[in-house]
Amino acid sequence: MLQENYIQYLAGYSKEAISMQDVKVALTDLKTIDDEHGAFWISVIKNEENVLEVHKDLSVVGVFEDDANKQYLKQCVDLQEIEQLCSLLLGENFVELKKRLEAS
């Protein structure tokens, strides 16, 4: 069974069935997107959505299906750190992802 996932930019672009290559493109695009549209989010759907929202200022918000009312917030230091978080999301390693989002 293929994993159901997608990426969507605040500026309007979206794509389903993404890979890490799509994430890398989004991170590159983030550098040039204007401040008003400077965000994208990635969703992996298991039973419900598990989402990372990435902002131009390198802040990340995570929301997971086990408690959709809780937001995990992290200010990342660089794009490489965000890439690692996105990789954990796409790999459905939600436990490790939450640990990293909580560690500030």
C-alpha atoms as a PDB file:
ATOM      1  CA  MET A   1       0.000   0.000   0.000  1.00  0.00           C
ATOM      2  CA  LEU A   2       1.340   3.406  -0.926  1.00  0.00           C
ATOM      3  CA  GLN A   3       1.665   5.998   1.772  1.00  0.00           C
ATOM      4  CA  GLU A   4      -0.830   8.820   1.421  1.00  0.00           C
ATOM      5  CA  ASN A   5       0.897  12.164   1.760  1.00  0.00           C
ATOM      6  CA  TYR A   6       1.072  15.616   0.233  1.00  0.00           C
ATOM      7  CA  ILE A   7       2.864  18.938   0.309  1.00  0.00           C
ATOM      8  CA  GLN A   8       1.166  22.298  -0.012  1.00  0.00           C
ATOM      9  CA  TYR A   9       2.598  25.785  -0.193  1.00  0.00           C
ATOM     10  CA  LEU A  10       0.783  28.768   1.277  1.00  0.00           C
ATOM     11  CA  ALA A  11       1.273  30.357  -2.164  1.00  0.00           C
ATOM     12  CA  GLY A  12      -1.025  27.685  -3.645  1.00  0.00           C
ATOM     13  CA  TYR A  13       1.186  24.915  -5.059  1.00  0.00           C
ATOM     14  CA  SER A  14       0.346  21.382  -3.955  1.00  0.00           C
ATOM     15  CA  LYS A  15       1.447  17.868  -4.843  1.00  0.00           C
ATOM     16  CA  GLU A  16       0.417  14.401  -3.674  1.00  0.00           C
ATOM     17  CA  ALA A  17       2.580  11.295  -3.225  1.00  0.00           C
ATOM     18  CA  ILE A  18       5.735  13.206  -2.353  1.00  0.00           C
ATOM     19  CA  SER A  19       9.296  12.112  -1.653  1.00  0.00           C
ATOM     20  CA  MET A  20      12.233  13.719   0.131  1.00  0.00           C
ATOM     21  CA  GLN A  21      13.199  15.285  -3.195  1.00  0.00           C
ATOM     22  CA  ASP A  22       9.946  17.292  -3.083  1.00  0.00           C
ATOM     23  CA  VAL A  23      10.811  18.403   0.447  1.00  0.00           C
ATOM     24  CA  LYS A  24      14.266  19.540  -0.680  1.00  0.00           C
ATOM     25  CA  VAL A  25      12.693  21.560  -3.502  1.00  0.00           C
ATOM     26  CA  ALA A  26      10.272  23.153  -1.021  1.00  0.00           C
ATOM     27  CA  LEU A  27      13.129  24.086   1.301  1.00  0.00           C
ATOM     28  CA  THR A  28      14.981  25.703  -1.595  1.00  0.00           C
ATOM     29  CA  ASP A  29      11.805  27.515  -2.660  1.00  0.00           C
ATOM     30  CA  LEU A  30      11.277  28.733   0.900  1.00  0.00           C
ATOM     31  CA  LYS A  31      14.372  30.932   0.591  1.00  0.00           C
ATOM     32  CA  THR A  32      12.836  32.896  -2.294  1.00  0.00           C
ATOM     33  CA  ILE A  33       9.132  32.924  -1.363  1.00  0.00           C
ATOM     34  CA  ASP A  34       7.933  36.301  -0.100  1.00  0.00           C
ATOM     35  CA  ASP A  35       7.190  36.690   3.609  1.00  0.00           C
ATOM     36  CA  GLU A  36       3.419  36.686   3.110  1.00  0.00           C
ATOM     37  CA  HIS A  37       3.510  33.247   1.455  1.00  0.00           C
ATOM     38  CA  GLY A  38       6.611  31.918   3.221  1.00  0.00           C
ATOM     39  CA  ALA A  39       5.299  28.621   4.514  1.00  0.00           C
ATOM     40  CA  PHE A  40       4.500  25.108   3.410  1.00  0.00           C
ATOM     41  CA  TRP A  41       3.160  22.033   5.091  1.00  0.00           C
ATOM     42  CA  ILE A  42       3.574  18.323   4.650  1.00  0.00           C
ATOM     43  CA  SER A  43       0.944  15.816   5.654  1.00  0.00           C
ATOM     44  CA  VAL A  44       1.196  12.065   6.092  1.00  0.00           C
ATOM     45  CA  ILE A  45      -2.149  10.357   6.503  1.00  0.00           C
ATOM     46  CA  LYS A  46      -2.385   7.117   8.443  1.00  0.00           C
ATOM     47  CA  ASN A  47      -5.750   7.099  10.210  1.00  0.00           C
ATOM     48  CA  GLU A  48      -5.811  10.913  10.323  1.00  0.00           C
ATOM     49  CA  GLU A  49      -3.386  13.628   9.276  1.00  0.00           C
ATOM     50  CA  ASN A  50       0.072  14.076  10.777  1.00  0.00           C
ATOM     51  CA  VAL A  51       1.366  17.482   9.725  1.00  0.00           C
ATOM     52  CA  LEU A  52       4.512  19.561   9.796  1.00  0.00           C
ATOM     53  CA  GLU A  53       4.096  23.231   8.942  1.00  0.00           C
ATOM     54  CA  VAL A  54       7.369  24.917   7.998  1.00  0.00           C
ATOM     55  CA  HIS A  55       7.796  28.712   7.996  1.00  0.00           C
ATOM     56  CA  LYS A  56      10.346  30.928   6.292  1.00  0.00           C
ATOM     57  CA  ASP A  57      11.732  31.982   9.691  1.00  0.00           C
ATOM     58  CA  LEU A  58      12.653  28.270  10.210  1.00  0.00           C
ATOM     59  CA  SER A  59       9.939  27.675  12.787  1.00  0.00           C
ATOM     60  CA  VAL A  60       8.088  24.368  12.588  1.00  0.00           C
ATOM     61  CA  VAL A  61       4.708  23.355  13.965  1.00  0.00           C
ATOM     62  CA  GLY A  62       3.767  19.686  14.274  1.00  0.00           C
ATOM     63  CA  VAL A  63       0.281  18.257  14.799  1.00  0.00           C
ATOM     64  CA  PHE A  64      -0.320  14.518  15.073  1.00  0.00           C
ATOM     65  CA  GLU A  65      -3.334  12.259  14.810  1.00  0.00           C
ATOM     66  CA  ASP A  66      -3.080  10.938  18.383  1.00  0.00           C
ATOM     67  CA  ASP A  67      -3.847  14.429  19.790  1.00  0.00           C
ATOM     68  CA  ALA A  68      -4.900  16.910  17.117  1.00  0.00           C
ATOM     69  CA  ASN A  69      -5.384  19.598  19.779  1.00  0.00           C
ATOM     70  CA  LYS A  70      -1.700  19.628  20.749  1.00  0.00           C
ATOM     71  CA  GLN A  71       0.829  21.616  18.740  1.00  0.00           C
ATOM     72  CA  TYR A  72       4.545  20.914  18.894  1.00  0.00           C
ATOM     73  CA  LEU A  73       6.541  24.092  18.232  1.00  0.00           C
ATOM     74  CA  LYS A  74      10.237  24.305  17.395  1.00  0.00           C
ATOM     75  CA  GLN A  75      12.534  27.037  16.172  1.00  0.00           C
ATOM     76  CA  CYS A  76      15.055  25.279  13.959  1.00  0.00           C
ATOM     77  CA  VAL A  77      18.598  26.505  13.424  1.00  0.00           C
ATOM     78  CA  ASP A  78      18.911  25.661   9.725  1.00  0.00           C
ATOM     79  CA  LEU A  79      17.253  24.004   6.746  1.00  0.00           C
ATOM     80  CA  GLN A  80      19.143  20.765   7.362  1.00  0.00           C
ATOM     81  CA  GLU A  81      17.407  20.371  10.726  1.00  0.00           C
ATOM     82  CA  ILE A  82      14.032  20.906   9.033  1.00  0.00           C
ATOM     83  CA  GLU A  83      14.934  18.359   6.366  1.00  0.00           C
ATOM     84  CA  GLN A  84      15.650  15.794   9.104  1.00  0.00           C
ATOM     85  CA  LEU A  85      12.269  16.480  10.731  1.00  0.00           C
ATOM     86  CA  CYS A  86      10.485  16.087   7.395  1.00  0.00           C
ATOM     87  CA  SER A  87      12.320  12.824   6.792  1.00  0.00           C
ATOM     88  CA  LEU A  88      11.050  11.495  10.117  1.00  0.00           C
ATOM     89  CA  LEU A  89       7.517  12.520   9.176  1.00  0.00           C
ATOM     90  CA  LEU A  90       7.655  10.828   5.775  1.00  0.00           C
ATOM     91  CA  GLY A  91       9.150   7.749   7.433  1.00  0.00           C
ATOM     92  CA  GLU A  92       6.232   7.756   9.899  1.00  0.00           C
ATOM     93  CA  ASN A  93       8.661   7.885  12.830  1.00  0.00           C
ATOM     94  CA  PHE A  94       6.261  10.026  14.855  1.00  0.00           C
ATOM     95  CA  VAL A  95       7.693   9.148  18.285  1.00  0.00           C
ATOM     96  CA  GLU A  96      11.198  10.372  17.384  1.00  0.00           C
ATOM     97  CA  LEU A  97       9.764  13.366  15.536  1.00  0.00           C
ATOM     98  CA  LYS A  98       7.804  14.482  18.598  1.00  0.00           C
ATOM     99  CA  LYS A  99      10.933  14.085  20.783  1.00  0.00           C
ATOM    100  CA  ARG A 100      12.921  16.314  18.449  1.00  0.00           C
ATOM    101  CA  LEU A 101      10.156  18.891  18.260  1.00  0.00           C
ATOM    102  CA  GLU A 102       9.967  19.038  22.050  1.00  0.00           C
ATOM    103  CA  ALA A 103      13.747  19.381  22.499  1.00  0.00           C
ATOM    104  CA  SER A 104      14.598  23.061  22.268  1.00  0.00           C
END
